[in-house]
C-alpha cells in the first residue's frame, strides 16, 4: 500500500494533480489542490484503491482529510469517488460536526447527499467522529439557503461556503464572507 508520494508537481488538473515520482507522472484524485504549485516539490498523503480495471490514487495535503475520507469508506456503499465528492462539497469541520450530531438537513442541503445516504452516513459514523467544539454547520445551512435564494446555483453556493475561513463565526459574517468569495 502506497501511503504518500513526494515529487515535483507536473500539473494541476480539474479533479486532481500529476506528481512526478521516480520518473513516473502519477495522477492523484484530490478534493482540493490548495498548497500545490506546479513545478514545486510536494508531499501528498495517499489512499490507493485497487480495482478490476486498474489502480487509482487519492491524494490529501491534510491528514485530517485523509482520516475522514477513510471513515467514509468504512460505510457500505460509499466508494472512493463518492467519499472524495463529499469532501469536495463542504468544509471538513462542518461535515464532521454535522455527522457527529446527526444533522441530516445539513448533509442533504449543503453536502448534496440524498436523505437516505445522509442518514446512513450519520448513523454509521456519528460515534466514530469526535468534535471538540461547536462548528458553523447550523449557520451554514441558513447561509446556503440564502445564497440559493439570491440566485446562486447549489454548486456555486457549496463552493462559496467551502471558501469561508474557519475563524469566521456567526451567520451574518459567514454570509458576508461567502458573498465576497464570489461565484
Protein backbone atom coordinates (compact mmCIF):
# COMPACT_ATOMS: atom_id res chain seq x y z
CA UNK A 1 0.00 0.00 0.00
CA UNK A 2 1.43 3.37 -1.01
CA UNK A 3 0.68 5.87 1.78
CA UNK A 4 2.42 9.00 0.45
CA UNK A 5 4.13 10.37 -2.61
CA UNK A 6 6.75 13.07 -2.86
CA UNK A 7 7.88 14.74 -6.02
CA UNK A 8 7.52 17.66 -8.38
CA UNK A 9 4.01 18.80 -9.24
CA UNK A 10 3.83 18.44 -13.02
CA UNK A 11 0.28 19.75 -13.45
CA UNK A 12 -2.81 20.69 -11.52
CA UNK A 13 -5.99 19.47 -13.15
CA UNK A 14 -9.71 19.88 -12.57
CA UNK A 15 -10.09 16.92 -10.21
CA UNK A 16 -6.52 16.32 -9.05
CA UNK A 17 -2.84 16.71 -9.78
CA UNK A 18 0.00 14.90 -11.53
CA UNK A 19 3.14 14.45 -9.44
CA UNK A 20 6.42 13.11 -10.78
CA UNK A 21 7.55 10.20 -8.61
CA UNK A 22 10.68 8.32 -9.66
CA UNK A 23 10.29 9.40 -13.27
CA UNK A 24 6.60 8.47 -13.42
CA UNK A 25 3.78 11.00 -13.63
CA UNK A 26 1.30 9.78 -11.02
CA UNK A 27 -2.23 11.19 -11.15
CA UNK A 28 -3.88 11.75 -7.77
CA UNK A 29 -7.59 12.44 -7.45
CA UNK A 30 -7.91 15.27 -4.92
CA UNK A 31 -10.75 17.19 -3.27
CA UNK A 32 -8.53 20.26 -3.12
CA UNK A 33 -5.18 21.08 -4.68
CA UNK A 34 -4.64 24.07 -2.37
CA UNK A 35 -0.98 24.35 -1.44
CA UNK A 36 0.26 22.61 -4.58
CA UNK A 37 2.22 24.72 -7.06
CA UNK A 38 3.24 23.48 -10.50
CA UNK A 39 6.99 22.96 -10.72
CA UNK A 40 7.44 22.80 -6.93
CA UNK A 41 8.18 19.81 -4.71
CA UNK A 42 5.20 18.43 -2.77
CA UNK A 43 4.45 15.63 -0.34
CA UNK A 44 0.93 14.25 -0.55
CA UNK A 45 -0.67 11.57 1.64
CA UNK A 46 -2.44 8.94 -0.44
CA UNK A 47 -5.07 6.26 -0.39
CA UNK A 48 -4.55 3.56 -3.01
CA UNK A 49 -7.66 1.94 -4.49
CA UNK A 50 -7.17 -1.31 -6.38
CA UNK A 51 -9.98 -2.14 -8.78
CA UNK A 52 -10.55 -4.61 -11.56
CA UNK A 53 -9.69 -2.07 -14.23
CA UNK A 54 -6.67 -0.51 -12.53
CA UNK A 55 -5.25 1.35 -9.57
CA UNK A 56 -6.39 4.81 -8.52
CA UNK A 57 -4.67 7.14 -6.05
CA UNK A 58 -6.48 9.69 -3.92
CA UNK A 59 -4.33 12.48 -2.51
CA UNK A 60 -4.62 14.67 0.59
CA UNK A 61 -2.46 17.51 1.83
CA UNK A 62 -4.11 17.38 5.28
CA UNK A 63 -4.01 14.17 7.38
CA UNK A 64 -7.44 15.03 8.84
CA UNK A 65 -8.97 14.99 5.35
CA UNK A 66 -7.45 11.54 4.74
CA UNK A 67 -8.82 10.30 8.07
CA UNK A 68 -12.37 11.47 7.27
CA UNK A 69 -12.08 10.02 3.75
CA UNK A 70 -11.11 6.65 5.28
CA UNK A 71 -14.08 6.84 7.66
CA UNK A 72 -16.40 7.48 4.71
CA UNK A 73 -15.01 4.37 3.00
CA UNK A 74 -15.97 2.26 6.04
CA UNK A 75 -19.66 2.93 5.25
CA UNK A 76 -21.06 0.22 2.97
CA UNK A 77 -21.93 1.59 -0.44
CA UNK A 78 -19.50 4.53 -0.23
CA UNK A 79 -16.58 4.19 -2.61
CA UNK A 80 -13.53 6.41 -3.03
CA UNK A 81 -15.05 8.70 -5.67
CA UNK A 82 -18.19 9.25 -3.59
CA UNK A 83 -16.12 9.90 -0.45
CA UNK A 84 -13.95 12.43 -2.32
CA UNK A 85 -17.05 14.10 -3.75
CA UNK A 86 -18.50 14.57 -0.25
CA UNK A 87 -15.23 16.12 0.95
CA UNK A 88 -15.24 18.42 -2.06
CA UNK A 89 -18.71 19.81 -1.35
CA UNK A 90 -18.39 21.11 2.20
CA UNK A 91 -15.68 22.06 4.72
CA UNK A 92 -14.35 19.04 6.62
CA UNK A 93 -15.02 20.57 10.03
CA UNK A 94 -18.64 21.25 9.16
CA UNK A 95 -19.08 17.73 7.79
CA UNK A 96 -17.63 16.24 10.97
CA UNK A 97 -19.91 18.33 13.16
CA UNK A 98 -22.99 17.52 11.08
CA UNK A 99 -22.24 13.80 11.20
CA UNK A 100 -21.47 13.85 14.94
CA UNK A 101 -24.80 15.48 15.79
CA UNK A 102 -26.66 13.66 13.00
CA UNK A 103 -27.70 16.85 11.22
CA UNK A 104 -29.37 15.28 8.18
CA UNK A 105 -30.60 18.67 6.94
CA UNK A 106 -27.04 19.97 6.62
CA UNK A 107 -25.82 16.80 4.93
CA UNK A 108 -28.61 16.87 2.36
CA UNK A 109 -28.65 20.62 1.62
CA UNK A 110 -25.01 21.61 1.83
CA UNK A 111 -23.16 18.35 1.17
CA UNK A 112 -25.63 17.45 -1.57
CA UNK A 113 -26.38 13.94 -0.33
CA UNK A 114 -29.67 12.10 -0.62
CA UNK A 115 -31.64 11.82 2.62
CA UNK A 116 -31.12 8.05 2.76
CA UNK A 117 -27.35 8.34 2.19
CA UNK A 118 -27.06 11.16 4.76
CA UNK A 119 -28.93 9.13 7.38
CA UNK A 120 -26.78 6.07 6.74
CA UNK A 121 -23.56 8.09 6.96
CA UNK A 122 -24.66 9.82 10.16
CA UNK A 123 -25.79 6.61 11.86
CA UNK A 124 -22.66 4.65 10.98
CA UNK A 125 -20.10 7.40 11.69
CA UNK A 126 -21.57 9.59 14.45
CA UNK A 127 -19.90 7.54 17.19
CA UNK A 128 -16.56 7.45 15.38
CA UNK A 129 -16.18 11.21 14.92
CA UNK A 130 -15.04 13.32 17.84
CA UNK A 131 -15.82 17.01 17.65
CA UNK A 132 -14.18 19.15 20.31
CA UNK A 133 -16.05 22.40 19.77
CA UNK A 134 -19.13 23.74 18.02
CA UNK A 135 -18.73 24.47 14.34
CA UNK A 136 -20.81 26.53 11.92
CA UNK A 137 -22.94 23.86 10.28
CA UNK A 138 -26.27 25.27 11.53
CA UNK A 139 -25.41 28.73 10.27
CA UNK A 140 -24.02 27.26 7.06
CA UNK A 141 -27.37 25.65 6.23
CA UNK A 142 -29.01 29.07 6.56
CA UNK A 143 -26.21 30.74 4.57
CA UNK A 144 -26.57 28.07 1.89
CA UNK A 145 -30.32 28.69 1.62
CA UNK A 146 -29.74 32.46 1.45
CA UNK A 147 -27.18 32.11 -1.33
CA UNK A 148 -29.57 29.94 -3.35
CA UNK A 149 -32.37 32.47 -2.75
CA UNK A 150 -30.03 35.18 -4.07
CA UNK A 151 -29.61 33.28 -7.34
CA UNK A 152 -26.56 31.10 -6.69
CA UNK A 153 -26.73 27.58 -8.07
CA UNK A 154 -26.35 24.86 -5.45
CA UNK A 155 -22.85 24.17 -6.74
CA UNK A 156 -21.86 27.85 -6.53
CA UNK A 157 -23.30 28.06 -3.00
CA UNK A 158 -21.32 24.99 -1.88
CA UNK A 159 -18.15 26.44 -3.39
CA UNK A 160 -18.72 29.78 -1.65
CA UNK A 161 -19.30 28.00 1.70
CA UNK A 162 -16.12 25.99 1.27
CA UNK A 163 -14.14 29.19 0.74
CA UNK A 164 -15.17 30.74 4.08
CA UNK A 165 -12.27 30.77 6.58
CA UNK A 166 -12.88 28.60 9.65
CA UNK A 167 -12.35 31.50 12.06
CA UNK A 168 -15.32 33.46 10.65
CA UNK A 169 -18.21 32.94 13.06
CA UNK A 170 -21.86 33.90 13.02
CA UNK A 171 -24.42 33.59 10.26
CA UNK A 172 -24.14 37.19 9.03
CA UNK A 173 -20.33 37.19 9.00
CA UNK A 174 -20.26 33.85 7.18
CA UNK A 175 -22.81 35.09 4.63
CA UNK A 176 -20.74 38.22 4.00
CA UNK A 177 -17.58 36.11 3.56
CA UNK A 178 -19.41 33.76 1.15
CA UNK A 179 -20.71 36.67 -0.90
CA UNK A 180 -17.25 38.26 -1.07
CA UNK A 181 -15.83 34.96 -2.34
CA UNK A 182 -17.92 35.47 -5.47
CA UNK A 183 -19.13 32.85 -7.84
